[in-house]
């Protein structure tokens, strides 16, 4: 069961994602100006590429936040009982945080492909 603060941050990230998407839809002129310097000449392709990069980053960050919240709370409980598990717990939290890094790498690859 998610706490109310987790729902709050999930709502904040969702609203920011929607605002960024609306801004991307409203700026086809900027995409048209950037088209000659890139391999992609269609502004709608650029727009969808930017939306895909933003979605990859935002969705993976929200997923990483939820994973770290679950793993972190369980690891604090485990460390309270057995402090010698610190190394193993640190690895598990790092694996959960890796989800956000993978999303960031995917978005960088998408942006590099756009030009």
PDB file of N, CA and C in Angstrom:
ATOM      1  N   UNK A   1       0.846  -1.179   0.000  1.00  0.00           N
ATOM      2  CA  UNK A   1       0.000   0.000   0.000  1.00  0.00           C
ATOM      3  C   UNK A   1       0.886   1.235   0.000  1.00  0.00           C
ATOM      4  N   UNK A   2       0.636   2.127  -0.932  1.00  0.00           N
ATOM      5  CA  UNK A   2       1.449   3.338  -1.036  1.00  0.00           C
ATOM      6  C   UNK A   2       0.948   4.393  -0.067  1.00  0.00           C
ATOM      7  N   UNK A   3       1.891   5.109   0.546  1.00  0.00           N
ATOM      8  CA  UNK A   3       1.515   6.190   1.446  1.00  0.00           C
ATOM      9  C   UNK A   3       1.058   7.391   0.648  1.00  0.00           C
ATOM     10  N   UNK A   4       0.447   8.345   1.339  1.00  0.00           N
ATOM     11  CA  UNK A   4      -0.083   9.521   0.655  1.00  0.00           C
ATOM     12  C   UNK A   4       1.039  10.376   0.059  1.00  0.00           C
ATOM     13  N   UNK A   5       2.217  10.405   0.678  1.00  0.00           N
ATOM     14  CA  UNK A   5       3.314  11.190   0.112  1.00  0.00           C
ATOM     15  C   UNK A   5       3.796  10.591  -1.209  1.00  0.00           C
ATOM     16  N   UNK A   6       3.779   9.264  -1.321  1.00  0.00           N
ATOM     17  CA  UNK A   6       4.158   8.633  -2.587  1.00  0.00           C
ATOM     18  C   UNK A   6       3.160   8.982  -3.680  1.00  0.00           C
ATOM     19  N   UNK A   7       1.887   9.016  -3.344  1.00  0.00           N
ATOM     20  CA  UNK A   7       0.867   9.412  -4.319  1.00  0.00           C
ATOM     21  C   UNK A   7       1.056  10.866  -4.719  1.00  0.00           C
ATOM     22  N   UNK A   8       1.439  11.708  -3.762  1.00  0.00           N
ATOM     23  CA  UNK A   8       1.668  13.114  -4.063  1.00  0.00           C
ATOM     24  C   UNK A   8       2.791  13.272  -5.081  1.00  0.00           C
ATOM     25  N   UNK A   9       3.921  12.614  -4.864  1.00  0.00           N
ATOM     26  CA  UNK A   9       5.046  12.749  -5.782  1.00  0.00           C
ATOM     27  C   UNK A   9       4.750  12.110  -7.120  1.00  0.00           C
ATOM     28  N   UNK A  10       3.984  11.028  -7.123  1.00  0.00           N
ATOM     29  CA  UNK A  10       3.573  10.423  -8.386  1.00  0.00           C
ATOM     30  C   UNK A  10       2.698  11.393  -9.170  1.00  0.00           C
ATOM     31  N   UNK A  11       1.814  12.108  -8.485  1.00  0.00           N
ATOM     32  CA  UNK A  11       0.959  13.099  -9.143  1.00  0.00           C
ATOM     33  C   UNK A  11       1.789  14.271  -9.657  1.00  0.00           C
ATOM     34  N   UNK A  12       2.781  14.717  -8.896  1.00  0.00           N
ATOM     35  CA  UNK A  12       3.641  15.830  -9.330  1.00  0.00           C
ATOM     36  C   UNK A  12       4.404  15.442 -10.596  1.00  0.00           C
ATOM     37  N   UNK A  13       4.981  14.251 -10.616  1.00  0.00           N
ATOM     38  CA  UNK A  13       5.730  13.812 -11.800  1.00  0.00           C
ATOM     39  C   UNK A  13       4.798  13.665 -12.996  1.00  0.00           C
ATOM     40  N   UNK A  14       3.591  13.173 -12.770  1.00  0.00           N
ATOM     41  CA  UNK A  14       2.635  13.029 -13.866  1.00  0.00           C
ATOM     42  C   UNK A  14       2.243  14.378 -14.439  1.00  0.00           C
ATOM     43  N   UNK A  15       1.986  15.341 -13.577  1.00  0.00           N
ATOM     44  CA  UNK A  15       1.620  16.682 -14.053  1.00  0.00           C
ATOM     45  C   UNK A  15       2.776  17.313 -14.815  1.00  0.00           C
ATOM     46  N   UNK A  16       3.995  17.170 -14.310  1.00  0.00           N
ATOM     47  CA  UNK A  16       5.151  17.722 -15.019  1.00  0.00           C
ATOM     48  C   UNK A  16       5.341  17.055 -16.372  1.00  0.00           C
ATOM     49  N   UNK A  17       5.105  15.754 -16.457  1.00  0.00           N
ATOM     50  CA  UNK A  17       5.213  15.060 -17.734  1.00  0.00           C
ATOM     51  C   UNK A  17       4.173  15.569 -18.722  1.00  0.00           C
ATOM     52  N   UNK A  18       2.969  15.803 -18.244  1.00  0.00           N
ATOM     53  CA  UNK A  18       1.907  16.305 -19.122  1.00  0.00           C
ATOM     54  C   UNK A  18       2.230  17.715 -19.589  1.00  0.00           C
ATOM     55  N   UNK A  19       2.744  18.559 -18.693  1.00  0.00           N
ATOM     56  CA  UNK A  19       3.102  19.930 -19.071  1.00  0.00           C
ATOM     57  C   UNK A  19       4.214  19.915 -20.117  1.00  0.00           C
ATOM     58  N   UNK A  20       5.210  19.075 -19.920  1.00  0.00           N
ATOM     59  CA  UNK A  20       6.296  18.994 -20.906  1.00  0.00           C
ATOM     60  C   UNK A  20       5.792  18.498 -22.253  1.00  0.00           C
ATOM     61  N   UNK A  21       4.875  17.549 -22.235  1.00  0.00           N
ATOM     62  CA  UNK A  21       4.301  17.053 -23.486  1.00  0.00           C
ATOM     63  C   UNK A  21       3.516  18.143 -24.196  1.00  0.00           C
ATOM     64  N   UNK A  22       2.737  18.916 -23.450  1.00  0.00           N
ATOM     65  CA  UNK A  22       1.979  20.018 -24.056  1.00  0.00           C
ATOM     66  C   UNK A  22       2.924  21.053 -24.648  1.00  0.00           C
ATOM     67  N   UNK A  23       4.009  21.347 -23.945  1.00  0.00           N
ATOM     68  CA  UNK A  23       4.980  22.301 -24.486  1.00  0.00           C
ATOM     69  C   UNK A  23       5.629  21.782 -25.761  1.00  0.00           C
ATOM     70  N   UNK A  24       5.887  20.484 -25.815  1.00  0.00           N
ATOM     71  CA  UNK A  24       6.470  19.919 -27.025  1.00  0.00           C
ATOM     72  C   UNK A  24       5.492  19.964 -28.192  1.00  0.00           C
ATOM     73  N   UNK A  25       4.219  19.748 -27.925  1.00  0.00           N
ATOM     74  CA  UNK A  25       3.221  19.804 -28.994  1.00  0.00           C
ATOM     75  C   UNK A  25       3.044  21.227 -29.484  1.00  0.00           C
ATOM     76  N   UNK A  26       3.285  22.213 -28.647  1.00  0.00           N
ATOM     77  CA  UNK A  26       3.062  23.597 -29.022  1.00  0.00           C
ATOM     78  C   UNK A  26       4.237  24.266 -29.689  1.00  0.00           C
ATOM     79  N   UNK A  27       5.331  23.556 -29.909  1.00  0.00           N
ATOM     80  CA  UNK A  27       6.517  24.197 -30.479  1.00  0.00           C
ATOM     81  C   UNK A  27       6.998  23.503 -31.753  1.00  0.00           C
ATOM     82  N   UNK A  28       6.148  23.351 -32.763  1.00  0.00           N
ATOM     83  CA  UNK A  28       6.668  22.739 -33.997  1.00  0.00           C
ATOM     84  C   UNK A  28       7.628  23.665 -34.745  1.00  0.00           C
ATOM     85  N   UNK A  29       7.541  24.981 -34.520  1.00  0.00           N
ATOM     86  CA  UNK A  29       8.448  25.905 -35.198  1.00  0.00           C
ATOM     87  C   UNK A  29       9.880  25.701 -34.720  1.00  0.00           C
ATOM     88  N   UNK A  30      10.059  25.424 -33.439  1.00  0.00           N
ATOM     89  CA  UNK A  30      11.412  25.179 -32.925  1.00  0.00           C
ATOM     90  C   UNK A  30      11.986  23.901 -33.519  1.00  0.00           C
ATOM     91  N   UNK A  31      11.148  22.894 -33.661  1.00  0.00           N
ATOM     92  CA  UNK A  31      11.612  21.649 -34.260  1.00  0.00           C
ATOM     93  C   UNK A  31      11.943  21.858 -35.733  1.00  0.00           C
ATOM     94  N   UNK A  32      11.184  22.714 -36.428  1.00  0.00           N
ATOM     95  CA  UNK A  32      11.464  22.984 -37.837  1.00  0.00           C
ATOM     96  C   UNK A  32      12.784  23.740 -37.983  1.00  0.00           C
ATOM     97  N   UNK A  33      13.107  24.639 -37.042  1.00  0.00           N
ATOM     98  CA  UNK A  33      14.374  25.366 -37.110  1.00  0.00           C
ATOM     99  C   UNK A  33      15.560  24.442 -36.871  1.00  0.00           C
ATOM    100  N   UNK A  34      15.401  23.435 -36.028  1.00  0.00           N
ATOM    101  CA  UNK A  34      16.500  22.528 -35.709  1.00  0.00           C
ATOM    102  C   UNK A  34      16.663  21.430 -36.748  1.00  0.00           C
ATOM    103  N   UNK A  35      15.713  21.271 -37.667  1.00  0.00           N
ATOM    104  CA  UNK A  35      15.729  20.159 -38.611  1.00  0.00           C
ATOM    105  C   UNK A  35      16.924  20.165 -39.562  1.00  0.00           C
ATOM    106  N   UNK A  36      17.385  21.290 -40.115  1.00  0.00           N
ATOM    107  CA  UNK A  36      18.503  21.212 -41.055  1.00  0.00           C
ATOM    108  C   UNK A  36      19.798  20.681 -40.436  1.00  0.00           C
ATOM    109  N   UNK A  37      19.992  20.851 -39.153  1.00  0.00           N
ATOM    110  CA  UNK A  37      21.221  20.386 -38.517  1.00  0.00           C
ATOM    111  C   UNK A  37      21.157  18.917 -38.114  1.00  0.00           C
ATOM    112  N   UNK A  38      20.020  18.275 -38.302  1.00  0.00           N
ATOM    113  CA  UNK A  38      19.867  16.893 -37.879  1.00  0.00           C
ATOM    114  C   UNK A  38      19.604  15.997 -39.074  1.00  0.00           C
ATOM    115  N   UNK A  39      19.558  14.715 -38.838  1.00  0.00           N
ATOM    116  CA  UNK A  39      19.237  13.758 -39.882  1.00  0.00           C
ATOM    117  C   UNK A  39      17.746  13.680 -40.142  1.00  0.00           C
ATOM    118  N   UNK A  40      16.946  14.076 -39.179  1.00  0.00           N
ATOM    119  CA  UNK A  40      15.503  13.988 -39.292  1.00  0.00           C
ATOM    120  C   UNK A  40      14.975  15.338 -39.763  1.00  0.00           C
ATOM    121  N   UNK A  41      14.193  15.348 -40.847  1.00  0.00           N
ATOM    122  CA  UNK A  41      13.701  16.601 -41.400  1.00  0.00           C
ATOM    123  C   UNK A  41      12.251  16.880 -41.055  1.00  0.00           C
ATOM    124  N   UNK A  42      11.515  15.913 -40.605  1.00  0.00           N
ATOM    125  CA  UNK A  42      10.100  16.099 -40.306  1.00  0.00           C
ATOM    126  C   UNK A  42       9.941  16.568 -38.861  1.00  0.00           C
ATOM    127  N   UNK A  43       9.293  17.721 -38.631  1.00  0.00           N
ATOM    128  CA  UNK A  43       9.136  18.210 -37.253  1.00  0.00           C
ATOM    129  C   UNK A  43       8.308  17.276 -36.373  1.00  0.00           C
ATOM    130  N   UNK A  44       7.374  16.545 -36.958  1.00  0.00           N
ATOM    131  CA  UNK A  44       6.575  15.642 -36.125  1.00  0.00           C
ATOM    132  C   UNK A  44       7.414  14.455 -35.638  1.00  0.00           C
ATOM    133  N   UNK A  45       8.377  14.038 -36.440  1.00  0.00           N
ATOM    134  CA  UNK A  45       9.273  12.957 -36.006  1.00  0.00           C
ATOM    135  C   UNK A  45      10.143  13.447 -34.848  1.00  0.00           C
ATOM    136  N   UNK A  46      10.642  14.671 -34.958  1.00  0.00           N
ATOM    137  CA  UNK A  46      11.426  15.234 -33.859  1.00  0.00           C
ATOM    138  C   UNK A  46      10.590  15.349 -32.595  1.00  0.00           C
ATOM    139  N   UNK A  47       9.354  15.795 -32.766  1.00  0.00           N
ATOM    140  CA  UNK A  47       8.470  15.955 -31.607  1.00  0.00           C
ATOM    141  C   UNK A  47       8.260  14.614 -30.911  1.00  0.00           C
ATOM    142  N   UNK A  48       7.977  13.565 -31.680  1.00  0.00           N
ATOM    143  CA  UNK A  48       7.770  12.249 -31.068  1.00  0.00           C
ATOM    144  C   UNK A  48       9.058  11.702 -30.459  1.00  0.00           C
ATOM    145  N   UNK A  49      10.185  12.044 -31.059  1.00  0.00           N
ATOM    146  CA  UNK A  49      11.462  11.624 -30.482  1.00  0.00           C
ATOM    147  C   UNK A  49      11.709  12.267 -29.133  1.00  0.00           C
ATOM    148  N   UNK A  50      11.398  13.552 -29.031  1.00  0.00           N
ATOM    149  CA  UNK A  50      11.556  14.238 -27.743  1.00  0.00           C
ATOM    150  C   UNK A  50      10.567  13.718 -26.709  1.00  0.00           C
ATOM    151  N   UNK A  51       9.360  13.406 -27.146  1.00  0.00           N
ATOM    152  CA  UNK A  51       8.376  12.829 -26.216  1.00  0.00           C
ATOM    153  C   UNK A  51       8.850  11.459 -25.745  1.00  0.00           C
ATOM    154  N   UNK A  52       9.420  10.671 -26.641  1.00  0.00           N
ATOM    155  CA  UNK A  52       9.920   9.343 -26.258  1.00  0.00           C
ATOM    156  C   UNK A  52      11.082   9.457 -25.274  1.00  0.00           C
ATOM    157  N   UNK A  53      11.981  10.412 -25.498  1.00  0.00           N
ATOM    158  CA  UNK A  53      13.101  10.596 -24.571  1.00  0.00           C
ATOM    159  C   UNK A  53      12.607  11.050 -23.204  1.00  0.00           C
ATOM    160  N   UNK A  54      11.641  11.971 -23.186  1.00  0.00           N
ATOM    161  CA  UNK A  54      11.092  12.430 -21.907  1.00  0.00           C
ATOM    162  C   UNK A  54      10.352  11.307 -21.193  1.00  0.00           C
ATOM    163  N   UNK A  55       9.622  10.510 -21.947  1.00  0.00           N
ATOM    164  CA  UNK A  55       8.877   9.398 -21.334  1.00  0.00           C
ATOM    165  C   UNK A  55       9.832   8.345 -20.774  1.00  0.00           C
ATOM    166  N   UNK A  56      10.900   8.062 -21.498  1.00  0.00           N
ATOM    167  CA  UNK A  56      11.862   7.069 -21.010  1.00  0.00           C
ATOM    168  C   UNK A  56      12.482   7.511 -19.695  1.00  0.00           C
ATOM    169  N   UNK A  57      12.827   8.779 -19.599  1.00  0.00           N
ATOM    170  CA  UNK A  57      13.429   9.284 -18.376  1.00  0.00           C
ATOM    171  C   UNK A  57      12.424   9.349 -17.235  1.00  0.00           C
ATOM    172  N   UNK A  58      11.244   9.890 -17.501  1.00  0.00           N
ATOM    173  CA  UNK A  58      10.275  10.091 -16.415  1.00  0.00           C
ATOM    174  C   UNK A  58       9.712   8.773 -15.899  1.00  0.00           C
ATOM    175  N   UNK A  59       9.375   7.867 -16.790  1.00  0.00           N
ATOM    176  CA  UNK A  59       8.789   6.596 -16.336  1.00  0.00           C
ATOM    177  C   UNK A  59       9.823   5.779 -15.561  1.00  0.00           C
ATOM    178  N   UNK A  60      11.066   5.764 -16.051  1.00  0.00           N
ATOM    179  CA  UNK A  60      12.083   4.998 -15.336  1.00  0.00           C
ATOM    180  C   UNK A  60      12.417   5.638 -13.992  1.00  0.00           C
ATOM    181  N   UNK A  61      12.348   6.960 -13.915  1.00  0.00           N
ATOM    182  CA  UNK A  61      12.617   7.628 -12.634  1.00  0.00           C
ATOM    183  C   UNK A  61      11.530   7.358 -11.616  1.00  0.00           C
ATOM    184  N   UNK A  62      10.278   7.362 -12.065  1.00  0.00           N
ATOM    185  CA  UNK A  62       9.177   7.039 -11.146  1.00  0.00           C
ATOM    186  C   UNK A  62       9.276   5.589 -10.694  1.00  0.00           C
ATOM    187  N   UNK A  63       9.598   4.694 -11.616  1.00  0.00           N
ATOM    188  CA  UNK A  63       9.744   3.285 -11.252  1.00  0.00           C
ATOM    189  C   UNK A  63      10.901   3.086 -10.279  1.00  0.00           C
ATOM    190  N   UNK A  64      12.005   3.796 -10.498  1.00  0.00           N
ATOM    191  CA  UNK A  64      13.144   3.693  -9.585  1.00  0.00           C
ATOM    192  C   UNK A  64      12.797   4.247  -8.211  1.00  0.00           C
ATOM    193  N   UNK A  65      12.041   5.332  -8.180  1.00  0.00           N
ATOM    194  CA  UNK A  65      11.650   5.903  -6.888  1.00  0.00           C
ATOM    195  C   UNK A  65      10.785   4.930  -6.105  1.00  0.00           C
ATOM    196  N   UNK A  66       9.844   4.300  -6.784  1.00  0.00           N
ATOM    197  CA  UNK A  66       8.994   3.320  -6.098  1.00  0.00           C
ATOM    198  C   UNK A  66       9.805   2.107  -5.637  1.00  0.00           C
ATOM    199  N   UNK A  67      10.752   1.669  -6.480  1.00  0.00           N
ATOM    200  CA  UNK A  67      11.577   0.518  -6.098  1.00  0.00           C
ATOM    201  C   UNK A  67      12.489   0.846  -4.921  1.00  0.00           C
ATOM    202  N   UNK A  68      13.090   2.025  -4.938  1.00  0.00           N
ATOM    203  CA  UNK A  68      13.971   2.411  -3.838  1.00  0.00           C
ATOM    204  C   UNK A  68      13.170   2.582  -2.555  1.00  0.00           C
ATOM    205  N   UNK A  69      11.946   3.086  -2.672  1.00  0.00           N
ATOM    206  CA  UNK A  69      11.113   3.232  -1.471  1.00  0.00           C
ATOM    207  C   UNK A  69      10.814   1.875  -0.845  1.00  0.00           C
ATOM    208  N   UNK A  70      10.461   0.921  -1.664  1.00  0.00           N
ATOM    209  CA  UNK A  70      10.166  -0.418  -1.130  1.00  0.00           C
ATOM    210  C   UNK A  70      11.419  -1.104  -0.590  1.00  0.00           C
ATOM    211  N   UNK A  71      12.479  -1.095  -1.386  1.00  0.00           N
ATOM    212  CA  UNK A  71      13.714  -1.774  -0.977  1.00  0.00           C
ATOM    213  C   UNK A  71      14.350  -1.049   0.204  1.00  0.00           C
ATOM    214  N   UNK A  72      14.292   0.277   0.189  1.00  0.00           N
ATOM    215  CA  UNK A  72      14.897   1.041   1.273  1.00  0.00           C
ATOM    216  C   UNK A  72      14.229   0.797   2.609  1.00  0.00           C
ATOM    217  N   UNK A  73      12.892   0.759   2.611  1.00  0.00           N
ATOM    218  CA  UNK A  73      12.205   0.505   3.882  1.00  0.00           C
ATOM    219  C   UNK A  73      12.463  -0.908   4.379  1.00  0.00           C
ATOM    220  N   UNK A  74      12.523  -1.865   3.469  1.00  0.00           N
ATOM    221  CA  UNK A  74      12.825  -3.237   3.892  1.00  0.00           C
ATOM    222  C   UNK A  74      14.270  -3.365   4.372  1.00  0.00           C
ATOM    223  N   UNK A  75      15.173  -2.625   3.732  1.00  0.00           N
ATOM    224  CA  UNK A  75      16.569  -2.724   4.133  1.00  0.00           C
ATOM    225  C   UNK A  75      16.828  -2.073   5.486  1.00  0.00           C
ATOM    226  N   UNK A  76      16.120  -1.013   5.795  1.00  0.00           N
ATOM    227  CA  UNK A  76      16.277  -0.399   7.116  1.00  0.00           C
ATOM    228  C   UNK A  76      15.808  -1.369   8.198  1.00  0.00           C
ATOM    229  N   UNK A  77      14.729  -2.067   7.915  1.00  0.00           N
ATOM    230  CA  UNK A  77      14.264  -3.072   8.868  1.00  0.00           C
ATOM    231  C   UNK A  77      15.258  -4.209   9.041  1.00  0.00           C
ATOM    232  N   UNK A  78      15.868  -4.631   7.936  1.00  0.00           N
ATOM    233  CA  UNK A  78      16.858  -5.707   8.017  1.00  0.00           C
ATOM    234  C   UNK A  78      18.115  -5.246   8.754  1.00  0.00           C
ATOM    235  N   UNK A  79      18.522  -3.999   8.511  1.00  0.00           N
ATOM    236  CA  UNK A  79      19.711  -3.485   9.187  1.00  0.00           C
ATOM    237  C   UNK A  79      19.482  -3.279  10.672  1.00  0.00           C
ATOM    238  N   UNK A  80      18.255  -3.013  11.070  1.00  0.00           N
ATOM    239  CA  UNK A  80      17.969  -2.853  12.491  1.00  0.00           C
ATOM    240  C   UNK A  80      18.162  -4.174  13.228  1.00  0.00           C
ATOM    241  N   UNK A  81      17.874  -5.273  12.536  1.00  0.00           N
ATOM    242  CA  UNK A  81      18.037  -6.593  13.171  1.00  0.00           C
ATOM    243  C   UNK A  81      19.450  -7.140  13.032  1.00  0.00           C
ATOM    244  N   UNK A  82      20.057  -6.965  11.835  1.00  0.00           N
ATOM    245  CA  UNK A  82      21.405  -7.488  11.580  1.00  0.00           C
ATOM    246  C   UNK A  82      22.250  -6.421  10.887  1.00  0.00           C
ATOM    247  N   UNK A  83      23.030  -5.673  11.637  1.00  0.00           N
ATOM    248  CA  UNK A  83      23.848  -4.608  11.028  1.00  0.00           C
ATOM    249  C   UNK A  83      24.916  -5.133  10.063  1.00  0.00           C
ATOM    250  N   UNK A  84      25.273  -6.393  10.162  1.00  0.00           N
ATOM    251  CA  UNK A  84      26.307  -6.938   9.273  1.00  0.00           C
ATOM    252  C   UNK A  84      25.811  -7.131   7.834  1.00  0.00           C
ATOM    253  N   UNK A  85      24.550  -6.899   7.555  1.00  0.00           N
ATOM    254  CA  UNK A  85      24.002  -7.019   6.202  1.00  0.00           C
ATOM    255  C   UNK A  85      24.117  -5.731   5.392  1.00  0.00           C
ATOM    256  N   UNK A  86      24.895  -4.768   5.869  1.00  0.00           N
ATOM    257  CA  UNK A  86      24.949  -3.462   5.220  1.00  0.00           C
ATOM    258  C   UNK A  86      25.403  -3.553   3.759  1.00  0.00           C
ATOM    259  N   UNK A  87      26.412  -4.334   3.473  1.00  0.00           N
ATOM    260  CA  UNK A  87      26.920  -4.456   2.103  1.00  0.00           C
ATOM    261  C   UNK A  87      25.892  -5.028   1.154  1.00  0.00           C
ATOM    262  N   UNK A  88      25.201  -6.055   1.582  1.00  0.00           N
ATOM    263  CA  UNK A  88      24.170  -6.675   0.734  1.00  0.00           C
ATOM    264  C   UNK A  88      23.004  -5.729   0.511  1.00  0.00           C
ATOM    265  N   UNK A  89      22.629  -5.011   1.552  1.00  0.00           N
ATOM    266  CA  UNK A  89      21.516  -4.071   1.435  1.00  0.00           C
ATOM    267  C   UNK A  89      21.882  -2.930   0.494  1.00  0.00           C
ATOM    268  N   UNK A  90      23.118  -2.474   0.568  1.00  0.00           N
ATOM    269  CA  UNK A  90      23.572  -1.398  -0.307  1.00  0.00           C
ATOM    270  C   UNK A  90      23.516  -1.822  -1.772  1.00  0.00           C
ATOM    271  N   UNK A  91      23.862  -3.058  -2.051  1.00  0.00           N
ATOM    272  CA  UNK A  91      23.792  -3.571  -3.418  1.00  0.00           C
ATOM    273  C   UNK A  91      22.345  -3.607  -3.903  1.00  0.00           C
ATOM    274  N   UNK A  92      21.428  -4.027  -3.059  1.00  0.00           N
ATOM    275  CA  UNK A  92      20.026  -4.096  -3.459  1.00  0.00           C
ATOM    276  C   UNK A  92      19.441  -2.716  -3.743  1.00  0.00           C
ATOM    277  N   UNK A  93      19.789  -1.733  -2.934  1.00  0.00           N
ATOM    278  CA  UNK A  93      19.311  -0.372  -3.183  1.00  0.00           C
ATOM    279  C   UNK A  93      19.945   0.175  -4.461  1.00  0.00           C
ATOM    280  N   UNK A  94      21.194  -0.142  -4.703  1.00  0.00           N
ATOM    281  CA  UNK A  94      21.853   0.285  -5.937  1.00  0.00           C
ATOM    282  C   UNK A  94      21.230  -0.330  -7.178  1.00  0.00           C
ATOM    283  N   UNK A  95      20.815  -1.585  -7.082  1.00  0.00           N
ATOM    284  CA  UNK A  95      20.137  -2.218  -8.212  1.00  0.00           C
ATOM    285  C   UNK A  95      18.793  -1.556  -8.495  1.00  0.00           C
ATOM    286  N   UNK A  96      18.097  -1.179  -7.451  1.00  0.00           N
ATOM    287  CA  UNK A  96      16.820  -0.493  -7.641  1.00  0.00           C
ATOM    288  C   UNK A  96      17.040   0.886  -8.259  1.00  0.00           C
ATOM    289  N   UNK A  97      18.107   1.567  -7.889  1.00  0.00           N
ATOM    290  CA  UNK A  97      18.401   2.881  -8.452  1.00  0.00           C
ATOM    291  C   UNK A  97      18.887   2.783  -9.889  1.00  0.00           C
ATOM    292  N   UNK A  98      19.417   1.642 -10.260  1.00  0.00           N
ATOM    293  CA  UNK A  98      19.895   1.438 -11.626  1.00  0.00           C
ATOM    294  C   UNK A  98      18.809   1.563 -12.670  1.00  0.00           C
ATOM    295  N   UNK A  99      17.561   1.380 -12.284  1.00  0.00           N
ATOM    296  CA  UNK A  99      16.450   1.503 -13.226  1.00  0.00           C
ATOM    297  C   UNK A  99      16.418   2.910 -13.814  1.00  0.00           C
ATOM    298  N   UNK A 100      16.622   3.921 -13.004  1.00  0.00           N
ATOM    299  CA  UNK A 100      16.624   5.304 -13.489  1.00  0.00           C
ATOM    300  C   UNK A 100      17.804   5.560 -14.417  1.00  0.00           C
ATOM    301  N   UNK A 101      18.933   4.969 -14.124  1.00  0.00           N
ATOM    302  CA  UNK A 101      20.112   5.163 -14.967  1.00  0.00           C
ATOM    303  C   UNK A 101      19.886   4.531 -16.335  1.00  0.00           C
ATOM    304  N   UNK A 102      19.246   3.364 -16.375  1.00  0.00           N
ATOM    305  CA  UNK A 102      18.945   2.737 -17.658  1.00  0.00           C
ATOM    306  C   UNK A 102      18.006   3.600 -18.488  1.00  0.00           C
ATOM    307  N   UNK A 103      16.999   4.195 -17.861  1.00  0.00           N
ATOM    308  CA  UNK A 103      16.091   5.087 -18.585  1.00  0.00           C
ATOM    309  C   UNK A 103      16.805   6.323 -19.118  1.00  0.00           C
ATOM    310  N   UNK A 104      17.730   6.861 -18.335  1.00  0.00           N
ATOM    311  CA  UNK A 104      18.508   8.013 -18.780  1.00  0.00           C
ATOM    312  C   UNK A 104      19.389   7.654 -19.968  1.00  0.00           C
ATOM    313  N   UNK A 105      19.988   6.484 -19.939  1.00  0.00           N
ATOM    314  CA  UNK A 105      20.815   6.041 -21.064  1.00  0.00           C
ATOM    315  C   UNK A 105      19.979   5.878 -22.324  1.00  0.00           C
ATOM    316  N   UNK A 106      18.785   5.311 -22.184  1.00  0.00           N
ATOM    317  CA  UNK A 106      17.896   5.149 -23.339  1.00  0.00           C
ATOM    318  C   UNK A 106      17.510   6.508 -23.909  1.00  0.00           C
ATOM    319  N   UNK A 107      17.197   7.467 -23.044  1.00  0.00           N
ATOM    320  CA  UNK A 107      16.826   8.790 -23.551  1.00  0.00           C
ATOM    321  C   UNK A 107      18.012   9.481 -24.228  1.00  0.00           C
ATOM    322  N   UNK A 108      19.219   9.301 -23.724  1.00  0.00           N
ATOM    323  CA  UNK A 108      20.398   9.863 -24.385  1.00  0.00           C
ATOM    324  C   UNK A 108      20.600   9.232 -25.757  1.00  0.00           C
ATOM    325  N   UNK A 109      20.390   7.929 -25.866  1.00  0.00           N
ATOM    326  CA  UNK A 109      20.501   7.269 -27.164  1.00  0.00           C
ATOM    327  C   UNK A 109      19.454   7.771 -28.148  1.00  0.00           C
ATOM    328  N   UNK A 110      18.235   8.010 -27.663  1.00  0.00           N
ATOM    329  CA  UNK A 110      17.180   8.541 -28.530  1.00  0.00           C
ATOM    330  C   UNK A 110      17.547   9.940 -29.004  1.00  0.00           C
ATOM    331  N   UNK A 111      18.022  10.788 -28.096  1.00  0.00           N
ATOM    332  CA  UNK A 111      18.391  12.153 -28.484  1.00  0.00           C
ATOM    333  C   UNK A 111      19.588  12.177 -29.430  1.00  0.00           C
ATOM    334  N   UNK A 112      20.521  11.262 -29.261  1.00  0.00           N
ATOM    335  CA  UNK A 112      21.655  11.177 -30.184  1.00  0.00           C
ATOM    336  C   UNK A 112      21.196  10.750 -31.566  1.00  0.00           C
ATOM    337  N   UNK A 113      20.205   9.892 -31.625  1.00  0.00           N
ATOM    338  CA  UNK A 113      19.701   9.439 -32.922  1.00  0.00           C
ATOM    339  C   UNK A 113      18.970  10.564 -33.649  1.00  0.00           C
ATOM    340  N   UNK A 114      18.366  11.481 -32.889  1.00  0.00           N
ATOM    341  CA  UNK A 114      17.674  12.607 -33.509  1.00  0.00           C
ATOM    342  C   UNK A 114      18.633  13.641 -34.083  1.00  0.00           C
ATOM    343  N   UNK A 115      19.838  13.644 -33.594  1.00  0.00           N
ATOM    344  CA  UNK A 115      20.799  14.575 -34.181  1.00  0.00           C
ATOM    345  C   UNK A 115      21.587  15.269 -33.201  1.00  0.00           C
TER     346      UNK A 115
END
